[in-house]
Amino acid sequence: MSSNTDVSISSYDEDQGSKLIRKAKEAPFVPIGMAGFAAIVAYGLYKLKSRGNTKMSIHLIHMRVAAQGFVVGAMTVGMGYSMYREYWAKPKP
């Protein structure tokens, strides 16, 4: 029987903060999308009182669409960046 001793022990010793930083370096647009989503939700809650005579449901739908649009945009730009880094910016042997 062979045992797999090639497993990295350092991945088990990694705390949440360093894991988040490592993942953010691998895919930088994920935290940008999360931050944008949170900012749009906070802005929507802030503007909730001064929405005028717009119905509550319409206001919430607009905020949901804006937040989803920002996240999808960040994912699209991140995927384009990842493809660029993988296929075009890779050093040629």
C-alpha atoms as a PDB file:
ATOM      1  CA  MET A   1       0.000   0.000   0.000  1.00  0.00           C
ATOM      2  CA  SER A   2       1.204   3.456  -0.789  1.00  0.00           C
ATOM      3  CA  SER A   3       0.357   6.480   1.275  1.00  0.00           C
ATOM      4  CA  ASN A   4      -0.093   9.918  -0.181  1.00  0.00           C
ATOM      5  CA  THR A   5       2.273  12.111   1.845  1.00  0.00           C
ATOM      6  CA  ASP A   6       2.389  14.812  -0.847  1.00  0.00           C
ATOM      7  CA  VAL A   7      -0.577  16.684   0.670  1.00  0.00           C
ATOM      8  CA  SER A   8       0.363  20.184   1.705  1.00  0.00           C
ATOM      9  CA  ILE A   9       0.001  20.678   5.439  1.00  0.00           C
ATOM     10  CA  SER A  10       0.203  24.473   5.054  1.00  0.00           C
ATOM     11  CA  SER A  11      -3.276  24.593   3.506  1.00  0.00           C
ATOM     12  CA  TYR A  12      -4.702  23.205   6.738  1.00  0.00           C
ATOM     13  CA  ASP A  13      -2.835  25.719   8.889  1.00  0.00           C
ATOM     14  CA  GLU A  14      -4.126  28.684   6.877  1.00  0.00           C
ATOM     15  CA  ASP A  15      -6.499  31.002   8.761  1.00  0.00           C
ATOM     16  CA  GLN A  16      -9.529  32.675   7.189  1.00  0.00           C
ATOM     17  CA  GLY A  17      -7.868  36.055   6.605  1.00  0.00           C
ATOM     18  CA  SER A  18      -4.870  34.688   4.723  1.00  0.00           C
ATOM     19  CA  LYS A  19      -7.098  32.323   2.757  1.00  0.00           C
ATOM     20  CA  LEU A  20      -9.283  35.269   1.678  1.00  0.00           C
ATOM     21  CA  ILE A  21      -6.214  37.273   0.647  1.00  0.00           C
ATOM     22  CA  ARG A  22      -4.813  34.323  -1.327  1.00  0.00           C
ATOM     23  CA  LYS A  23      -8.128  33.750  -3.120  1.00  0.00           C
ATOM     24  CA  ALA A  24      -8.454  37.485  -3.855  1.00  0.00           C
ATOM     25  CA  LYS A  25      -5.028  37.452  -5.514  1.00  0.00           C
ATOM     26  CA  GLU A  26      -6.049  34.480  -7.665  1.00  0.00           C
ATOM     27  CA  ALA A  27      -9.361  36.065  -8.741  1.00  0.00           C
ATOM     28  CA  PRO A  28      -9.274  39.809  -8.008  1.00  0.00           C
ATOM     29  CA  PHE A  29     -12.703  40.606  -9.457  1.00  0.00           C
ATOM     30  CA  VAL A  30     -14.624  38.431  -6.965  1.00  0.00           C
ATOM     31  CA  PRO A  31     -14.053  40.780  -4.005  1.00  0.00           C
ATOM     32  CA  ILE A  32     -14.683  43.749  -6.301  1.00  0.00           C
ATOM     33  CA  GLY A  33     -18.066  42.253  -7.262  1.00  0.00           C
ATOM     34  CA  MET A  34     -18.911  41.557  -3.616  1.00  0.00           C
ATOM     35  CA  ALA A  35     -17.954  45.088  -2.574  1.00  0.00           C
ATOM     36  CA  GLY A  36     -19.971  46.614  -5.405  1.00  0.00           C
ATOM     37  CA  PHE A  37     -22.976  44.514  -4.482  1.00  0.00           C
ATOM     38  CA  ALA A  38     -22.726  45.629  -0.854  1.00  0.00           C
ATOM     39  CA  ALA A  39     -22.311  49.274  -1.898  1.00  0.00           C
ATOM     40  CA  ILE A  40     -25.405  49.179  -4.132  1.00  0.00           C
ATOM     41  CA  VAL A  41     -27.467  47.544  -1.392  1.00  0.00           C
ATOM     42  CA  ALA A  42     -26.289  50.159   1.121  1.00  0.00           C
ATOM     43  CA  TYR A  43     -27.107  52.953  -1.339  1.00  0.00           C
ATOM     44  CA  GLY A  44     -30.552  51.451  -1.952  1.00  0.00           C
ATOM     45  CA  LEU A  45     -31.272  51.330   1.766  1.00  0.00           C
ATOM     46  CA  TYR A  46     -30.043  54.897   2.164  1.00  0.00           C
ATOM     47  CA  LYS A  47     -32.279  56.146  -0.658  1.00  0.00           C
ATOM     48  CA  LEU A  48     -35.285  54.186   0.582  1.00  0.00           C
ATOM     49  CA  LYS A  49     -36.773  57.152   2.445  1.00  0.00           C
ATOM     50  CA  SER A  50     -36.262  59.669  -0.336  1.00  0.00           C
ATOM     51  CA  ARG A  51     -37.655  57.604  -3.183  1.00  0.00           C
ATOM     52  CA  GLY A  52     -40.528  60.061  -3.727  1.00  0.00           C
ATOM     53  CA  ASN A  53     -43.817  58.580  -4.822  1.00  0.00           C
ATOM     54  CA  THR A  54     -42.181  55.502  -6.387  1.00  0.00           C
ATOM     55  CA  LYS A  55     -43.665  52.247  -5.131  1.00  0.00           C
ATOM     56  CA  MET A  56     -41.561  50.197  -2.742  1.00  0.00           C
ATOM     57  CA  SER A  57     -41.610  47.158  -5.029  1.00  0.00           C
ATOM     58  CA  ILE A  58     -40.348  49.163  -8.018  1.00  0.00           C
ATOM     59  CA  HIS A  59     -37.537  50.646  -5.927  1.00  0.00           C
ATOM     60  CA  LEU A  60     -36.487  47.194  -4.702  1.00  0.00           C
ATOM     61  CA  ILE A  61     -36.600  45.740  -8.215  1.00  0.00           C
ATOM     62  CA  HIS A  62     -34.371  48.552  -9.507  1.00  0.00           C
ATOM     63  CA  MET A  63     -31.862  48.018  -6.707  1.00  0.00           C
ATOM     64  CA  ARG A  64     -31.834  44.248  -7.292  1.00  0.00           C
ATOM     65  CA  VAL A  65     -31.220  44.712 -11.017  1.00  0.00           C
ATOM     66  CA  ALA A  66     -28.436  47.232 -10.360  1.00  0.00           C
ATOM     67  CA  ALA A  67     -26.728  44.909  -7.863  1.00  0.00           C
ATOM     68  CA  GLN A  68     -27.029  41.894 -10.150  1.00  0.00           C
ATOM     69  CA  GLY A  69     -25.771  43.911 -13.099  1.00  0.00           C
ATOM     70  CA  PHE A  70     -22.703  45.010 -11.174  1.00  0.00           C
ATOM     71  CA  VAL A  71     -21.912  41.444 -10.095  1.00  0.00           C
ATOM     72  CA  VAL A  72     -22.402  40.039 -13.609  1.00  0.00           C
ATOM     73  CA  GLY A  73     -20.248  42.844 -15.032  1.00  0.00           C
ATOM     74  CA  ALA A  74     -17.484  42.116 -12.518  1.00  0.00           C
ATOM     75  CA  MET A  75     -17.673  38.409 -13.355  1.00  0.00           C
ATOM     76  CA  THR A  76     -17.458  39.155 -17.087  1.00  0.00           C
ATOM     77  CA  VAL A  77     -14.476  41.462 -16.706  1.00  0.00           C
ATOM     78  CA  GLY A  78     -12.836  38.931 -14.378  1.00  0.00           C
ATOM     79  CA  MET A  79     -13.325  36.133 -16.880  1.00  0.00           C
ATOM     80  CA  GLY A  80     -11.869  38.295 -19.660  1.00  0.00           C
ATOM     81  CA  TYR A  81      -8.887  39.143 -17.454  1.00  0.00           C
ATOM     82  CA  SER A  82      -8.400  35.476 -16.605  1.00  0.00           C
ATOM     83  CA  MET A  83      -8.533  34.487 -20.284  1.00  0.00           C
ATOM     84  CA  TYR A  84      -6.059  37.234 -21.165  1.00  0.00           C
ATOM     85  CA  ARG A  85      -3.672  36.116 -18.441  1.00  0.00           C
ATOM     86  CA  GLU A  86      -4.012  32.440 -19.389  1.00  0.00           C
ATOM     87  CA  TYR A  87      -3.803  32.626 -23.191  1.00  0.00           C
ATOM     88  CA  TRP A  88      -2.236  35.889 -24.332  1.00  0.00           C
ATOM     89  CA  ALA A  89       0.011  37.086 -21.526  1.00  0.00           C
ATOM     90  CA  LYS A  90       1.548  33.658 -20.936  1.00  0.00           C
ATOM     91  CA  PRO A  91       5.252  33.645 -21.764  1.00  0.00           C
ATOM     92  CA  LYS A  92       6.011  31.605 -24.841  1.00  0.00           C
ATOM     93  CA  PRO A  93       8.633  28.856 -24.446  1.00  0.00           C
END
